[in-house]
Amino acid sequence: MSALTRPLAPGAPAAVPAGDRPPGPAGGQPTAAPAPTAVSLDRVGVRYGRSGPPVVRDISFDVAAGEWLALIGPNGAGKSSLLRATAGLVAHTGTVSLTQAPQAGDGSPHRPPSPRTRARSIAYVAQQPELPPGMSVAEYVLLGRTAHLGWLRAEGRADRRAAADVLDRLDLTRFGSRDLTAMSGGELQRVVLARALVQEAEVLLLDEPTSALDLGHGIGVLELVDELRRDRNLTVISAMHDLGSAGRFADRLALLHQGELAAHGPPDEVLTEPILSRYYQTPVEVLRSADGTAVVVPLRTTRPNTQKRAQP
C-alpha cells in the first residue's frame, strides 16, 4: 500500500505514489521490509465554527517512521489546519493515530494518547507561536524537556546539555540569556524550532519553518532537521511554500488544494509544470539544478513594456 492512500481529486493530474510502482525484475535484490507507520490520518476534516465551511476535507494518509512528508499548496489550501489537527490542537473529524509500531491487524481502534504521551510523541512548531513574557532564550528552549520530567522534578544536567547542544547547532548560544522579546523574527523562528528539537519527540511537525530566515540560516535549519531525522529515525511533516526546498529535503510531497489532497507522490512526480500551473493558477517552468532537484520558476503572465518613454 502506498504511504499516502487518499485518491487524487477528480481530474487531477496523476502523480503516481512510489508504493504503486510495479516491483523490480525477478531475481533482483529482496525487497526491504516496509518501515513501521509513525502517523496515520483517516478521513481527517477541519472546520472552524459550527457553520463555517470545511478547510480540510477527508484527508487520509500514512507517514512511515523516519519519513519526511512535505505539505505544499497555495495559500488557504489547509496545510496549517491539517498540521494543527495532527498535533491535536484543533477539533477535527476523523482519526489521527500515532503508531510507531505496526498495527496489530485486529481492526481495533487506537486509543487517543494522553497529553503527556502526545507531548513526548509530537513536537509542533507553529508559524506564529505564543511566547511567554519575561523569559530568556535558554529558559524557553529548556521548556522542551518538560514532557520528559517527572512530577515536580526540575531539569537535570542531561536536560541542560541537550538544550545547550541544540542552541549551539542552531547558532543561538550567544543569545541564551537574551529576553525573547529582544529577538528578531528570524532568530525567534530558530528559538521555537530549538525548543521543539530539545523535546526529542518521535514526530516533528513544522509549519513554514524557514519563512522568516535568510538563505544561509534557512538551509542550515533544514539540513539540521534532515540530519536529526536520519540519526534518530525522526518523522517529519512540514508545511512549506518553498517548493525547491520541499523537493530537495522531503521524501514525498502532498499537494493540498481547497482542503483536499490534489496530488501526491515523490517530488519528481508532483513538481511538474502541469500540476503546479493548475493548482497554483499561474504558469511555471520546472528546471533542474546541478544535483537534479527541481527548481520551480514562476513565469510572467504579461510582457514588460520595453519601449522607452519619449523624451519631452
C-alpha atoms as a PDB file:
ATOM      1  CA  MET A   1       0.000   0.000   0.000  1.00  0.00           C
ATOM      2  CA  SER A   2       1.161   3.498  -0.725  1.00  0.00           C
ATOM      3  CA  ALA A   3       2.268   5.631   2.214  1.00  0.00           C
ATOM      4  CA  LEU A   4      -0.365   8.119   1.071  1.00  0.00           C
ATOM      5  CA  THR A   5      -3.703   6.487   0.474  1.00  0.00           C
ATOM      6  CA  ARG A   6      -6.104   9.346  -0.342  1.00  0.00           C
ATOM      7  CA  PRO A   7      -7.181   9.141  -4.005  1.00  0.00           C
ATOM      8  CA  LEU A   8      -6.484  12.073  -6.242  1.00  0.00           C
ATOM      9  CA  ALA A   9      -9.142  14.709  -6.698  1.00  0.00           C
ATOM     10  CA  PRO A  10     -11.326  14.068  -9.759  1.00  0.00           C
ATOM     11  CA  GLY A  11      -9.493  15.168 -12.874  1.00  0.00           C
ATOM     12  CA  ALA A  12      -6.222  15.856 -11.070  1.00  0.00           C
ATOM     13  CA  PRO A  13      -3.015  15.146 -12.987  1.00  0.00           C
ATOM     14  CA  ALA A  14      -1.756  11.793 -11.809  1.00  0.00           C
ATOM     15  CA  ALA A  15       1.339  11.722  -9.637  1.00  0.00           C
ATOM     16  CA  VAL A  16       1.934   8.041  -9.063  1.00  0.00           C
ATOM     17  CA  PRO A  17       2.851   7.122  -5.468  1.00  0.00           C
ATOM     18  CA  ALA A  18       6.080   5.205  -5.130  1.00  0.00           C
ATOM     19  CA  GLY A  19       4.260   2.335  -3.430  1.00  0.00           C
ATOM     20  CA  ASP A  20       2.117   1.821  -6.554  1.00  0.00           C
ATOM     21  CA  ARG A  21       5.039   1.237  -8.894  1.00  0.00           C
ATOM     22  CA  PRO A  22       5.469  -2.295 -10.221  1.00  0.00           C
ATOM     23  CA  PRO A  23       8.083  -4.464  -8.484  1.00  0.00           C
ATOM     24  CA  GLY A  24      11.544  -4.849  -9.906  1.00  0.00           C
ATOM     25  CA  PRO A  25      12.569  -7.754 -12.117  1.00  0.00           C
ATOM     26  CA  ALA A  26      12.524 -11.255 -10.720  1.00  0.00           C
ATOM     27  CA  GLY A  27      15.811 -12.440  -9.284  1.00  0.00           C
ATOM     28  CA  GLY A  28      16.812  -8.988  -8.062  1.00  0.00           C
ATOM     29  CA  GLN A  29      17.636  -7.967  -4.532  1.00  0.00           C
ATOM     30  CA  PRO A  30      14.997  -8.879  -1.943  1.00  0.00           C
ATOM     31  CA  THR A  31      12.639  -6.047  -1.074  1.00  0.00           C
ATOM     32  CA  ALA A  32      13.324  -4.473   2.309  1.00  0.00           C
ATOM     33  CA  ALA A  33      10.594  -4.679   4.900  1.00  0.00           C
ATOM     34  CA  PRO A  34       8.483  -1.510   4.931  1.00  0.00           C
ATOM     35  CA  ALA A  35       9.169   0.955   7.721  1.00  0.00           C
ATOM     36  CA  PRO A  36       6.579   0.967  10.524  1.00  0.00           C
ATOM     37  CA  THR A  37       3.927   3.650  10.385  1.00  0.00           C
ATOM     38  CA  ALA A  38       4.534   6.671  12.633  1.00  0.00           C
ATOM     39  CA  VAL A  39       1.424   8.763  11.892  1.00  0.00           C
ATOM     40  CA  SER A  40      -1.850   7.657  10.363  1.00  0.00           C
ATOM     41  CA  LEU A  41      -4.641  10.027   9.342  1.00  0.00           C
ATOM     42  CA  ASP A  42      -8.030   8.600   8.439  1.00  0.00           C
ATOM     43  CA  ARG A  43     -10.623  10.894   6.837  1.00  0.00           C
ATOM     44  CA  VAL A  44      -9.491  13.924   8.815  1.00  0.00           C
ATOM     45  CA  GLY A  45     -11.582  17.060   8.367  1.00  0.00           C
ATOM     46  CA  VAL A  46     -11.416  20.505   9.977  1.00  0.00           C
ATOM     47  CA  ARG A  47     -13.877  23.371  10.100  1.00  0.00           C
ATOM     48  CA  TYR A  48     -13.862  26.475  12.284  1.00  0.00           C
ATOM     49  CA  GLY A  49     -17.234  27.137  13.869  1.00  0.00           C
ATOM     50  CA  ARG A  50     -20.344  25.017  13.504  1.00  0.00           C
ATOM     51  CA  SER A  51     -21.500  26.797  10.383  1.00  0.00           C
ATOM     52  CA  GLY A  52     -18.087  27.501   8.894  1.00  0.00           C
ATOM     53  CA  PRO A  53     -17.011  25.849   5.648  1.00  0.00           C
ATOM     54  CA  PRO A  54     -14.614  22.907   5.907  1.00  0.00           C
ATOM     55  CA  VAL A  55     -10.970  23.914   5.491  1.00  0.00           C
ATOM     56  CA  VAL A  56      -9.707  20.312   5.439  1.00  0.00           C
ATOM     57  CA  ARG A  57     -11.808  17.614   3.783  1.00  0.00           C
ATOM     58  CA  ASP A  58     -11.497  13.872   4.447  1.00  0.00           C
ATOM     59  CA  ILE A  59      -7.717  13.550   4.176  1.00  0.00           C
ATOM     60  CA  SER A  60      -6.179  10.143   4.768  1.00  0.00           C
ATOM     61  CA  PHE A  61      -2.540   9.126   4.638  1.00  0.00           C
ATOM     62  CA  ASP A  62       0.132   7.174   6.497  1.00  0.00           C
ATOM     63  CA  VAL A  63       3.624   8.518   7.167  1.00  0.00           C
ATOM     64  CA  ALA A  64       6.358   5.979   7.834  1.00  0.00           C
ATOM     65  CA  ALA A  65       8.807   6.253  10.705  1.00  0.00           C
ATOM     66  CA  GLY A  66      11.807   8.273   9.522  1.00  0.00           C
ATOM     67  CA  GLU A  67       9.978   9.720   6.500  1.00  0.00           C
ATOM     68  CA  TRP A  68       9.772  13.418   5.615  1.00  0.00           C
ATOM     69  CA  LEU A  69       6.427  14.411   4.124  1.00  0.00           C
ATOM     70  CA  ALA A  70       6.053  17.994   2.894  1.00  0.00           C
ATOM     71  CA  LEU A  71       2.616  19.587   2.556  1.00  0.00           C
ATOM     72  CA  ILE A  72       2.560  22.061  -0.307  1.00  0.00           C
ATOM     73  CA  GLY A  73      -0.170  24.073  -1.969  1.00  0.00           C
ATOM     74  CA  PRO A  74      -1.399  27.643  -2.411  1.00  0.00           C
ATOM     75  CA  ASN A  75      -2.395  29.917   0.458  1.00  0.00           C
ATOM     76  CA  GLY A  76      -5.557  28.763   2.196  1.00  0.00           C
ATOM     77  CA  ALA A  77      -5.222  25.177   0.990  1.00  0.00           C
ATOM     78  CA  GLY A  78      -5.465  23.776   4.545  1.00  0.00           C
ATOM     79  CA  LYS A  79      -1.821  22.942   5.272  1.00  0.00           C
ATOM     80  CA  SER A  80      -1.614  24.664   8.658  1.00  0.00           C
ATOM     81  CA  SER A  81      -5.021  23.379   9.755  1.00  0.00           C
ATOM     82  CA  LEU A  82      -4.026  19.826   8.870  1.00  0.00           C
ATOM     83  CA  LEU A  83      -0.825  20.163  10.903  1.00  0.00           C
ATOM     84  CA  ARG A  84      -2.777  21.524  13.878  1.00  0.00           C
ATOM     85  CA  ALA A  85      -5.233  18.649  13.649  1.00  0.00           C
ATOM     86  CA  THR A  86      -2.329  16.181  13.583  1.00  0.00           C
ATOM     87  CA  ALA A  87      -0.871  17.857  16.674  1.00  0.00           C
ATOM     88  CA  GLY A  88      -4.221  17.622  18.495  1.00  0.00           C
ATOM     89  CA  LEU A  89      -4.527  21.411  18.723  1.00  0.00           C
ATOM     90  CA  VAL A  90      -7.793  21.845  16.829  1.00  0.00           C
ATOM     91  CA  ALA A  91     -11.043  19.901  16.827  1.00  0.00           C
ATOM     92  CA  HIS A  92     -11.406  17.633  13.826  1.00  0.00           C
ATOM     93  CA  THR A  93     -13.393  14.776  12.411  1.00  0.00           C
ATOM     94  CA  GLY A  94     -11.733  11.507  11.516  1.00  0.00           C
ATOM     95  CA  THR A  95      -8.844   9.881  13.339  1.00  0.00           C
ATOM     96  CA  VAL A  96      -5.202  10.757  13.934  1.00  0.00           C
ATOM     97  CA  SER A  97      -3.190   7.791  15.207  1.00  0.00           C
ATOM     98  CA  LEU A  98       0.380   7.711  16.453  1.00  0.00           C
ATOM     99  CA  THR A  99       1.648   4.257  15.654  1.00  0.00           C
ATOM    100  CA  GLN A 100       5.411   3.818  15.788  1.00  0.00           C
ATOM    101  CA  ALA A 101       4.876   0.062  15.769  1.00  0.00           C
ATOM    102  CA  PRO A 102       2.984  -1.814  13.033  1.00  0.00           C
ATOM    103  CA  GLN A 103      -0.740  -2.131  13.650  1.00  0.00           C
ATOM    104  CA  ALA A 104      -1.879  -5.372  15.257  1.00  0.00           C
ATOM    105  CA  GLY A 105      -4.189  -6.122  12.350  1.00  0.00           C
ATOM    106  CA  ASP A 106      -7.185  -6.966  14.534  1.00  0.00           C
ATOM    107  CA  GLY A 107      -9.154  -3.920  13.403  1.00  0.00           C
ATOM    108  CA  SER A 108      -9.343  -2.458  16.908  1.00  0.00           C
ATOM    109  CA  PRO A 109      -9.305   1.372  17.119  1.00  0.00           C
ATOM    110  CA  HIS A 110      -6.315   3.196  18.530  1.00  0.00           C
ATOM    111  CA  ARG A 111      -6.700   4.771  21.945  1.00  0.00           C
ATOM    112  CA  PRO A 112      -6.149   8.539  21.928  1.00  0.00           C
ATOM    113  CA  PRO A 113      -2.807   9.265  23.615  1.00  0.00           C
ATOM    114  CA  SER A 114      -2.658  11.122  26.924  1.00  0.00           C
ATOM    115  CA  PRO A 115      -1.393  14.731  26.791  1.00  0.00           C
ATOM    116  CA  ARG A 116       1.990  13.667  28.244  1.00  0.00           C
ATOM    117  CA  THR A 117       2.334  10.813  25.778  1.00  0.00           C
ATOM    118  CA  ARG A 118       1.397  13.104  22.909  1.00  0.00           C
ATOM    119  CA  ALA A 119       3.955  15.686  24.078  1.00  0.00           C
ATOM    120  CA  ARG A 120       6.664  13.007  24.072  1.00  0.00           C
ATOM    121  CA  SER A 121       5.496  11.798  20.667  1.00  0.00           C
ATOM    122  CA  ILE A 122       4.809  15.020  18.745  1.00  0.00           C
ATOM    123  CA  ALA A 123       6.660  18.340  18.672  1.00  0.00           C
ATOM    124  CA  TYR A 124       4.918  21.161  16.828  1.00  0.00           C
ATOM    125  CA  VAL A 125       6.425  24.393  15.514  1.00  0.00           C
ATOM    126  CA  ALA A 126       3.755  26.958  14.665  1.00  0.00           C
ATOM    127  CA  GLN A 127       4.082  29.816  12.197  1.00  0.00           C
ATOM    128  CA  GLN A 128       3.204  32.359  14.877  1.00  0.00           C
ATOM    129  CA  PRO A 129       3.858  30.770  18.292  1.00  0.00           C
ATOM    130  CA  GLU A 130       2.689  32.322  21.533  1.00  0.00           C
ATOM    131  CA  LEU A 131       5.750  33.246  23.587  1.00  0.00           C
ATOM    132  CA  PRO A 132       5.691  33.657  27.388  1.00  0.00           C
ATOM    133  CA  PRO A 133       6.731  37.109  28.653  1.00  0.00           C
ATOM    134  CA  GLY A 134       9.828  37.668  30.757  1.00  0.00           C
ATOM    135  CA  MET A 135      11.658  34.517  29.676  1.00  0.00           C
ATOM    136  CA  SER A 136      15.152  34.139  28.277  1.00  0.00           C
ATOM    137  CA  VAL A 137      16.020  32.118  25.197  1.00  0.00           C
ATOM    138  CA  ALA A 138      17.717  29.374  27.237  1.00  0.00           C
ATOM    139  CA  GLU A 139      14.774  29.110  29.651  1.00  0.00           C
ATOM    140  CA  TYR A 140      12.284  28.886  26.801  1.00  0.00           C
ATOM    141  CA  VAL A 141      14.232  26.200  24.940  1.00  0.00           C
ATOM    142  CA  LEU A 142      14.553  24.187  28.150  1.00  0.00           C
ATOM    143  CA  LEU A 143      10.745  24.036  28.334  1.00  0.00           C
ATOM    144  CA  GLY A 144      11.003  21.441  25.580  1.00  0.00           C
ATOM    145  CA  ARG A 145      12.228  18.946  28.192  1.00  0.00           C
ATOM    146  CA  THR A 146       9.039  19.245  30.295  1.00  0.00           C
ATOM    147  CA  ALA A 147       7.401  16.163  28.787  1.00  0.00           C
ATOM    148  CA  HIS A 148      10.355  14.048  29.972  1.00  0.00           C
ATOM    149  CA  LEU A 149      10.288  15.242  33.593  1.00  0.00           C
ATOM    150  CA  GLY A 150       8.534  13.564  36.485  1.00  0.00           C
ATOM    151  CA  TRP A 151       6.011  15.310  38.700  1.00  0.00           C
ATOM    152  CA  LEU A 152       7.617  18.384  40.341  1.00  0.00           C
ATOM    153  CA  ARG A 153      11.006  17.329  39.020  1.00  0.00           C
ATOM    154  CA  ALA A 154      13.410  20.052  37.859  1.00  0.00           C
ATOM    155  CA  GLU A 155      15.568  19.846  34.760  1.00  0.00           C
ATOM    156  CA  GLY A 156      18.789  17.922  35.277  1.00  0.00           C
ATOM    157  CA  ARG A 157      22.251  18.053  33.787  1.00  0.00           C
ATOM    158  CA  ALA A 158      21.275  15.876  30.817  1.00  0.00           C
ATOM    159  CA  ASP A 159      18.327  18.165  30.019  1.00  0.00           C
ATOM    160  CA  ARG A 160      20.518  21.264  30.090  1.00  0.00           C
ATOM    161  CA  ARG A 161      23.151  19.540  27.986  1.00  0.00           C
ATOM    162  CA  ALA A 162      20.519  18.628  25.361  1.00  0.00           C
ATOM    163  CA  ALA A 163      19.301  22.232  25.259  1.00  0.00           C
ATOM    164  CA  ALA A 164      22.844  23.608  25.000  1.00  0.00           C
ATOM    165  CA  ASP A 165      23.646  21.242  22.125  1.00  0.00           C
ATOM    166  CA  VAL A 166      20.624  22.324  20.071  1.00  0.00           C
ATOM    167  CA  LEU A 167      21.271  26.014  20.783  1.00  0.00           C
ATOM    168  CA  ASP A 168      24.803  25.561  19.502  1.00  0.00           C
ATOM    169  CA  ARG A 169      23.721  23.737  16.348  1.00  0.00           C
ATOM    170  CA  LEU A 170      21.204  26.472  15.532  1.00  0.00           C
ATOM    171  CA  ASP A 171      23.767  29.259  16.141  1.00  0.00           C
ATOM    172  CA  LEU A 172      21.836  30.538  19.166  1.00  0.00           C
ATOM    173  CA  THR A 173      24.273  30.006  22.040  1.00  0.00           C
ATOM    174  CA  ARG A 174      25.220  33.666  22.225  1.00  0.00           C
ATOM    175  CA  PHE A 175      21.548  34.574  22.703  1.00  0.00           C
ATOM    176  CA  GLY A 176      20.958  32.244  25.659  1.00  0.00           C
ATOM    177  CA  SER A 177      20.474  34.984  28.244  1.00  0.00           C
ATOM    178  CA  ARG A 178      18.594  37.373  25.949  1.00  0.00           C
ATOM    179  CA  ASP A 179      14.898  38.031  26.538  1.00  0.00           C
ATOM    180  CA  LEU A 180      12.606  36.532  23.900  1.00  0.00           C
ATOM    181  CA  THR A 181      11.109  39.945  23.176  1.00  0.00           C
ATOM    182  CA  ALA A 182      14.526  41.251  22.099  1.00  0.00           C
ATOM    183  CA  MET A 183      14.920  38.679  19.325  1.00  0.00           C
ATOM    184  CA  SER A 184      14.318  39.326  15.635  1.00  0.00           C
ATOM    185  CA  GLY A 185      11.707  37.374  13.691  1.00  0.00           C
ATOM    186  CA  GLY A 186      14.244  35.022  12.140  1.00  0.00           C
ATOM    187  CA  GLU A 187      16.031  34.474  15.441  1.00  0.00           C
ATOM    188  CA  LEU A 188      12.742  33.685  17.171  1.00  0.00           C
ATOM    189  CA  GLN A 189      11.875  31.154  14.496  1.00  0.00           C
ATOM    190  CA  ARG A 190      15.100  29.298  15.252  1.00  0.00           C
ATOM    191  CA  VAL A 191      14.439  29.530  19.006  1.00  0.00           C
ATOM    192  CA  VAL A 192      10.997  27.954  18.632  1.00  0.00           C
ATOM    193  CA  LEU A 193      12.497  25.201  16.480  1.00  0.00           C
ATOM    194  CA  ALA A 194      15.201  24.658  19.115  1.00  0.00           C
ATOM    195  CA  ARG A 195      12.546  24.077  21.776  1.00  0.00           C
ATOM    196  CA  ALA A 196      10.841  21.521  19.529  1.00  0.00           C
ATOM    197  CA  LEU A 197      14.095  19.679  18.804  1.00  0.00           C
ATOM    198  CA  VAL A 198      15.029  19.563  22.512  1.00  0.00           C
ATOM    199  CA  GLN A 199      11.697  17.837  23.075  1.00  0.00           C
ATOM    200  CA  GLU A 200      13.165  14.782  21.256  1.00  0.00           C
ATOM    201  CA  ALA A 201       9.753  13.676  20.068  1.00  0.00           C
ATOM    202  CA  GLU A 202       9.272  10.887  17.547  1.00  0.00           C
ATOM    203  CA  VAL A 203       7.307  13.139  15.169  1.00  0.00           C
ATOM    204  CA  LEU A 204       8.189  16.742  14.264  1.00  0.00           C
ATOM    205  CA  LEU A 205       5.501  18.982  12.744  1.00  0.00           C
ATOM    206  CA  LEU A 206       6.820  22.157  11.117  1.00  0.00           C
ATOM    207  CA  ASP A 207       4.625  24.975   9.825  1.00  0.00           C
ATOM    208  CA  GLU A 208       6.714  27.046   7.416  1.00  0.00           C
ATOM    209  CA  PRO A 209       9.944  26.542   9.420  1.00  0.00           C
ATOM    210  CA  THR A 210      12.090  28.856   7.272  1.00  0.00           C
ATOM    211  CA  SER A 211       9.623  31.616   6.308  1.00  0.00           C
ATOM    212  CA  ALA A 212      11.479  34.297   8.326  1.00  0.00           C
ATOM    213  CA  LEU A 213      15.025  33.028   7.761  1.00  0.00           C
ATOM    214  CA  ASP A 214      17.690  34.223   5.362  1.00  0.00           C
ATOM    215  CA  LEU A 215      19.130  31.810   2.812  1.00  0.00           C
ATOM    216  CA  GLY A 216      22.026  30.649   4.971  1.00  0.00           C
ATOM    217  CA  HIS A 217      20.058  30.017   8.139  1.00  0.00           C
ATOM    218  CA  GLY A 218      17.146  28.558   6.185  1.00  0.00           C
ATOM    219  CA  ILE A 219      19.201  25.847   4.517  1.00  0.00           C
ATOM    220  CA  GLY A 220      21.056  25.251   7.788  1.00  0.00           C
ATOM    221  CA  VAL A 221      17.805  24.610   9.658  1.00  0.00           C
ATOM    222  CA  LEU A 222      16.553  22.170   7.031  1.00  0.00           C
ATOM    223  CA  GLU A 223      19.880  20.339   6.949  1.00  0.00           C
ATOM    224  CA  LEU A 224      19.856  20.010  10.747  1.00  0.00           C
ATOM    225  CA  VAL A 225      16.313  18.636  10.713  1.00  0.00           C
ATOM    226  CA  ASP A 226      17.320  16.173   8.000  1.00  0.00           C
ATOM    227  CA  GLU A 227      20.416  15.117   9.939  1.00  0.00           C
ATOM    228  CA  LEU A 228      18.393  14.528  13.111  1.00  0.00           C
ATOM    229  CA  ARG A 229      15.784  12.670  11.076  1.00  0.00           C
ATOM    230  CA  ARG A 230      18.395  10.211   9.888  1.00  0.00           C
ATOM    231  CA  ASP A 231      20.164   9.910  13.244  1.00  0.00           C
ATOM    232  CA  ARG A 232      17.008   9.473  15.363  1.00  0.00           C
ATOM    233  CA  ASN A 233      14.648   7.985  12.766  1.00  0.00           C
ATOM    234  CA  LEU A 234      12.629  11.171  13.272  1.00  0.00           C
ATOM    235  CA  THR A 235       9.398  11.518  11.301  1.00  0.00           C
ATOM    236  CA  VAL A 236       8.863  14.987   9.814  1.00  0.00           C
ATOM    237  CA  ILE A 237       5.682  16.535   8.411  1.00  0.00           C
ATOM    238  CA  SER A 238       6.165  20.104   7.251  1.00  0.00           C
ATOM    239  CA  ALA A 239       4.090  22.748   5.507  1.00  0.00           C
ATOM    240  CA  MET A 240       6.343  24.513   3.007  1.00  0.00           C
ATOM    241  CA  HIS A 241       5.905  27.311   0.475  1.00  0.00           C
ATOM    242  CA  ASP A 242       9.439  26.932  -0.885  1.00  0.00           C
ATOM    243  CA  LEU A 243       8.846  24.215  -3.466  1.00  0.00           C
ATOM    244  CA  GLY A 244      12.551  23.816  -4.219  1.00  0.00           C
ATOM    245  CA  SER A 245      13.380  23.083  -0.578  1.00  0.00           C
ATOM    246  CA  ALA A 246      10.373  20.796  -0.288  1.00  0.00           C
ATOM    247  CA  GLY A 247      11.579  18.781  -3.264  1.00  0.00           C
ATOM    248  CA  ARG A 248      15.167  18.719  -2.047  1.00  0.00           C
ATOM    249  CA  PHE A 249      14.530  17.540   1.524  1.00  0.00           C
ATOM    250  CA  ALA A 250      11.212  15.668   1.571  1.00  0.00           C
ATOM    251  CA  ASP A 251      10.796  12.044   0.543  1.00  0.00           C
ATOM    252  CA  ARG A 252       7.212  12.644  -0.509  1.00  0.00           C
ATOM    253  CA  LEU A 253       5.009  15.623  -1.293  1.00  0.00           C
ATOM    254  CA  ALA A 254       1.287  16.075  -0.674  1.00  0.00           C
ATOM    255  CA  LEU A 255      -0.282  18.956  -2.585  1.00  0.00           C
ATOM    256  CA  LEU A 256      -3.403  20.354  -0.943  1.00  0.00           C
ATOM    257  CA  HIS A 257      -5.972  22.424  -2.793  1.00  0.00           C
ATOM    258  CA  GLN A 258      -9.136  23.823  -1.231  1.00  0.00           C
ATOM    259  CA  GLY A 259      -8.737  21.451   1.699  1.00  0.00           C
ATOM    260  CA  GLU A 260      -8.391  18.302  -0.394  1.00  0.00           C
ATOM    261  CA  LEU A 261      -5.447  16.139  -1.367  1.00  0.00           C
ATOM    262  CA  ALA A 262      -4.974  17.007  -5.032  1.00  0.00           C
ATOM    263  CA  ALA A 263      -1.725  15.193  -5.854  1.00  0.00           C
ATOM    264  CA  HIS A 264       0.863  13.175  -4.001  1.00  0.00           C
ATOM    265  CA  GLY A 265       3.990  11.183  -4.606  1.00  0.00           C
ATOM    266  CA  PRO A 266       7.769  11.593  -4.891  1.00  0.00           C
ATOM    267  CA  PRO A 267       8.945  15.150  -5.612  1.00  0.00           C
ATOM    268  CA  ASP A 268       9.776  14.429  -9.261  1.00  0.00           C
ATOM    269  CA  GLU A 269       6.194  13.301  -9.875  1.00  0.00           C
ATOM    270  CA  VAL A 270       4.473  16.204  -8.105  1.00  0.00           C
ATOM    271  CA  LEU A 271       6.726  19.131  -9.038  1.00  0.00           C
ATOM    272  CA  THR A 272       5.724  19.145 -12.689  1.00  0.00           C
ATOM    273  CA  GLU A 273       4.630  22.073 -14.812  1.00  0.00           C
ATOM    274  CA  PRO A 274       1.066  20.776 -15.466  1.00  0.00           C
ATOM    275  CA  ILE A 275       0.328  20.041 -11.803  1.00  0.00           C
ATOM    276  CA  LEU A 276       1.841  23.214 -10.356  1.00  0.00           C
ATOM    277  CA  SER A 277       0.398  25.510 -13.035  1.00  0.00           C
ATOM    278  CA  ARG A 278      -3.052  24.072 -12.461  1.00  0.00           C
ATOM    279  CA  TYR A 279      -3.214  24.274  -8.682  1.00  0.00           C
ATOM    280  CA  TYR A 280      -1.182  27.454  -8.170  1.00  0.00           C
ATOM    281  CA  GLN A 281      -3.081  29.052 -11.062  1.00  0.00           C
ATOM    282  CA  THR A 282      -0.019  30.567 -12.657  1.00  0.00           C
ATOM    283  CA  PRO A 283       2.338  29.319 -15.384  1.00  0.00           C
ATOM    284  CA  VAL A 284       5.609  27.865 -14.129  1.00  0.00           C
ATOM    285  CA  GLU A 285       8.737  26.340 -15.569  1.00  0.00           C
ATOM    286  CA  VAL A 286      10.446  23.457 -13.763  1.00  0.00           C
ATOM    287  CA  LEU A 287      14.216  23.364 -14.226  1.00  0.00           C
ATOM    288  CA  ARG A 288      16.839  21.045 -12.750  1.00  0.00           C
ATOM    289  CA  SER A 289      19.707  22.094 -10.512  1.00  0.00           C
ATOM    290  CA  ALA A 290      23.164  20.526 -10.626  1.00  0.00           C
ATOM    291  CA  ASP A 291      22.109  17.865  -8.113  1.00  0.00           C
ATOM    292  CA  GLY A 292      18.995  17.002 -10.108  1.00  0.00           C
ATOM    293  CA  THR A 293      16.404  18.562  -7.813  1.00  0.00           C
ATOM    294  CA  ALA A 294      13.565  20.653  -9.194  1.00  0.00           C
ATOM    295  CA  VAL A 295      13.785  24.428  -9.404  1.00  0.00           C
ATOM    296  CA  VAL A 296      10.336  25.974  -9.882  1.00  0.00           C
ATOM    297  CA  VAL A 297      10.333  29.299 -11.732  1.00  0.00           C
ATOM    298  CA  PRO A 298       7.057  31.260 -11.982  1.00  0.00           C
ATOM    299  CA  LEU A 299       6.615  32.845 -15.381  1.00  0.00           C
ATOM    300  CA  ARG A 300       5.368  36.346 -16.071  1.00  0.00           C
ATOM    301  CA  THR A 301       1.824  36.492 -17.378  1.00  0.00           C
ATOM    302  CA  THR A 302       2.387  39.849 -19.060  1.00  0.00           C
ATOM    303  CA  ARG A 303       5.334  41.093 -21.062  1.00  0.00           C
ATOM    304  CA  PRO A 304       7.234  44.082 -19.667  1.00  0.00           C
ATOM    305  CA  ASN A 305       6.987  47.304 -21.618  1.00  0.00           C
ATOM    306  CA  THR A 306      10.448  47.674 -23.114  1.00  0.00           C
ATOM    307  CA  GLN A 307       9.696  50.773 -25.133  1.00  0.00           C
ATOM    308  CA  LYS A 308      11.482  53.856 -23.886  1.00  0.00           C
ATOM    309  CA  ARG A 309       9.348  56.772 -22.947  1.00  0.00           C
ATOM    310  CA  ALA A 310       9.568  59.652 -25.359  1.00  0.00           C
ATOM    311  CA  GLN A 311      11.776  62.441 -24.135  1.00  0.00           C
ATOM    312  CA  PRO A 312       9.955  65.762 -23.641  1.00  0.00           C
END
